[in-house]
Amino acid sequence: MAQSQRIESLKQRHQTLERNLDQERTRPMPDTAAIAEIKRMKLAIKDEMENLGA
């Protein structure tokens, strides 16, 4: 996979995680463990994009 394709894929995954995070936060009883895991995954994606030069 070309670097630009990988970056685009990571951006899409990051957006999906952001939507999931918003959904979890708006639930009547948000799962704090799930929120923490989503944030961790988002950060890992962001770090990988920075390493790729995005």
Protein backbone atom coordinates (compact mmCIF):
# COMPACT_ATOMS: atom_id res chain seq x y z
CA MET A 1 0.00 0.00 0.00
CA ALA A 2 1.34 3.39 -0.97
CA GLN A 3 2.06 5.83 1.82
CA SER A 4 -0.68 8.25 0.72
CA GLN A 5 -3.21 5.40 0.68
CA ARG A 6 -2.13 4.35 4.16
CA ILE A 7 -2.51 7.91 5.45
CA GLU A 8 -5.98 8.17 3.91
CA SER A 9 -6.95 4.85 5.46
CA LEU A 10 -5.73 6.03 8.86
CA LYS A 11 -7.69 9.27 8.53
CA GLN A 12 -10.87 7.35 7.79
CA ARG A 13 -10.29 5.03 10.74
CA HIS A 14 -9.65 8.06 12.98
CA GLN A 15 -12.96 9.60 11.86
CA THR A 16 -14.80 6.35 12.55
CA LEU A 17 -13.30 6.20 16.03
CA GLU A 18 -14.32 9.82 16.63
CA ARG A 19 -17.93 8.95 15.76
CA ASN A 20 -17.77 5.91 18.05
CA LEU A 21 -16.40 8.08 20.84
CA ASP A 22 -19.20 10.62 20.39
CA GLN A 23 -21.79 7.84 20.49
CA GLU A 24 -20.32 6.35 23.63
CA ARG A 25 -20.15 9.73 25.39
CA THR A 26 -23.82 10.46 24.68
CA ARG A 27 -25.12 7.15 26.04
CA PRO A 28 -27.06 7.36 29.31
CA MET A 29 -24.31 5.42 31.12
CA PRO A 30 -21.08 5.76 29.11
CA ASP A 31 -18.56 2.95 29.43
CA THR A 32 -15.41 4.70 30.66
CA ALA A 33 -13.24 1.71 29.72
CA ALA A 34 -14.54 1.82 26.14
CA ILE A 35 -13.94 5.57 25.99
CA ALA A 36 -10.37 5.12 27.20
CA GLU A 37 -9.75 2.36 24.62
CA ILE A 38 -11.14 4.46 21.77
CA LYS A 39 -8.96 7.39 22.81
CA ARG A 40 -5.92 5.10 22.96
CA MET A 41 -6.62 3.82 19.44
CA LYS A 42 -7.12 7.36 18.12
CA LEU A 43 -3.81 8.44 19.62
CA ALA A 44 -2.01 5.46 18.08
CA ILE A 45 -3.44 6.33 14.67
CA LYS A 46 -2.46 9.98 15.07
CA ASP A 47 1.09 8.97 16.03
CA GLU A 48 1.35 6.69 13.00
CA MET A 49 0.12 9.46 10.69
CA GLU A 50 2.72 11.84 12.12
CA ASN A 51 5.43 9.24 11.58
CA LEU A 52 4.33 8.89 7.96
CA GLY A 53 4.52 12.65 7.48
CA ALA A 54 0.85 13.47 7.27
